[in-house]
């Protein structure tokens, strides 16, 4: 039985919500929890300790994201389609990524 099949886990898809949206919601909750933990760590620790704990947290989030992607068919198919589109049009993909990064940088510069 997977975690999303377990009704006691509290992470089952809500009515009207696709499994992909439920998985993204669960990932967002995990990321928010990691962010809250990081804020607590940074408030009173040495930078070496913070770096080590941040590295471990990043590795855990990466691993959990990979597991989530592998366990959810809809997200897995979306990743495959995106990968195929990037392989088909690599220059367009780079241009879009550059434009999105530039726009994000301009919006956050404040």
Protein backbone atom coordinates (compact mmCIF):
# COMPACT_ATOMS: atom_id res chain seq x y z
CA UNK A 1 0.00 0.00 0.00
CA UNK A 2 1.47 3.36 -0.97
CA UNK A 3 1.36 6.48 1.14
CA UNK A 4 -1.25 8.10 -1.10
CA UNK A 5 -3.48 5.01 -0.83
CA UNK A 6 -3.43 5.12 2.97
CA UNK A 7 -6.51 7.03 4.18
CA UNK A 8 -4.86 7.66 7.56
CA UNK A 9 -1.96 9.59 6.01
CA UNK A 10 -4.18 12.61 5.29
CA UNK A 11 -2.73 13.01 1.81
CA UNK A 12 -5.35 11.33 -0.33
CA UNK A 13 -6.78 13.25 -3.29
CA UNK A 14 -9.63 15.51 -2.31
CA UNK A 15 -12.91 15.51 -4.24
CA UNK A 16 -12.45 17.25 -7.57
CA UNK A 17 -8.65 17.29 -7.25
CA UNK A 18 -6.54 15.24 -9.65
CA UNK A 19 -3.90 12.86 -8.30
CA UNK A 20 -1.21 15.08 -9.81
CA UNK A 21 -2.54 18.14 -8.00
CA UNK A 22 -2.68 16.18 -4.75
CA UNK A 23 0.92 15.05 -5.26
CA UNK A 24 2.06 18.61 -5.93
CA UNK A 25 0.20 19.77 -2.84
CA UNK A 26 1.95 17.12 -0.77
CA UNK A 27 5.32 18.15 -2.22
CA UNK A 28 4.56 21.79 -1.37
CA UNK A 29 3.78 20.78 2.22
CA UNK A 30 7.10 18.91 2.44
CA UNK A 31 8.97 21.90 1.02
CA UNK A 32 7.27 24.28 3.47
CA UNK A 33 8.17 21.98 6.36
CA UNK A 34 11.80 21.89 5.18
CA UNK A 35 11.82 25.69 4.90
CA UNK A 36 10.44 26.06 8.43
CA UNK A 37 13.09 23.63 9.70
CA UNK A 38 15.82 25.56 7.92
CA UNK A 39 14.67 28.84 9.47
CA UNK A 40 14.89 27.25 12.92
CA UNK A 41 18.35 25.88 12.21
CA UNK A 42 19.72 29.18 10.89
CA UNK A 43 18.49 31.22 13.85
CA UNK A 44 21.04 29.84 16.29
CA UNK A 45 23.66 27.72 14.55
CA UNK A 46 27.13 28.08 13.10
CA UNK A 47 27.45 28.35 9.32
CA UNK A 48 29.26 25.00 9.01
CA UNK A 49 26.40 23.26 10.79
CA UNK A 50 23.86 25.10 8.64
CA UNK A 51 25.69 24.07 5.46
CA UNK A 52 25.80 20.42 6.47
CA UNK A 53 22.14 20.34 7.47
CA UNK A 54 21.10 22.24 4.32
CA UNK A 55 22.99 19.74 2.19
CA UNK A 56 21.29 16.81 3.91
CA UNK A 57 17.88 18.46 3.58
CA UNK A 58 18.42 19.20 -0.11
CA UNK A 59 19.44 15.58 -0.71
CA UNK A 60 16.32 14.34 1.08
CA UNK A 61 14.04 16.69 -0.88
CA UNK A 62 15.64 15.64 -4.15
CA UNK A 63 15.23 11.95 -3.27
CA UNK A 64 11.60 12.43 -2.19
CA UNK A 65 10.87 14.39 -5.36
CA UNK A 66 12.31 11.60 -7.48
CA UNK A 67 10.23 9.02 -5.58
CA UNK A 68 7.10 11.16 -5.98
CA UNK A 69 7.73 11.51 -9.69
CA UNK A 70 8.29 7.77 -10.06
CA UNK A 71 5.18 6.87 -8.07
CA UNK A 72 2.77 9.22 -9.83
CA UNK A 73 1.95 8.19 -13.40
CA UNK A 74 0.55 11.60 -14.40
CA UNK A 75 3.67 13.47 -13.24
CA UNK A 76 5.91 10.84 -14.82
CA UNK A 77 4.18 11.24 -18.20
CA UNK A 78 4.39 15.04 -17.94
CA UNK A 79 8.13 14.79 -17.28
CA UNK A 80 8.56 12.50 -20.29
CA UNK A 81 6.61 14.88 -22.55
CA UNK A 82 8.65 17.84 -21.34
CA UNK A 83 11.90 15.97 -21.88
CA UNK A 84 10.84 15.00 -25.41
CA UNK A 85 9.84 18.59 -26.22
CA UNK A 86 13.22 19.88 -25.01
CA UNK A 87 15.04 17.27 -27.11
CA UNK A 88 12.97 18.21 -30.16
CA UNK A 89 13.52 21.99 -29.77
CA UNK A 90 16.61 22.61 -27.64
CA UNK A 91 17.16 26.22 -28.73
CA UNK A 92 13.58 27.17 -27.99
CA UNK A 93 13.85 25.52 -24.57
CA UNK A 94 17.00 27.49 -23.76
CA UNK A 95 15.36 30.72 -24.95
CA UNK A 96 12.29 30.11 -22.82
CA UNK A 97 14.38 29.24 -19.76
CA UNK A 98 16.54 32.35 -20.25
CA UNK A 99 13.48 34.59 -20.69
CA UNK A 100 11.77 33.14 -17.63
CA UNK A 101 14.94 33.60 -15.56
CA UNK A 102 15.36 37.18 -16.73
CA UNK A 103 11.74 37.99 -15.96
CA UNK A 104 12.03 36.40 -12.51
CA UNK A 105 15.24 38.34 -11.83
CA UNK A 106 13.61 41.62 -12.85
CA UNK A 107 10.54 40.96 -10.71
CA UNK A 108 12.52 40.07 -7.59
CA UNK A 109 15.06 42.90 -7.85
CA UNK A 110 12.78 45.37 -6.12
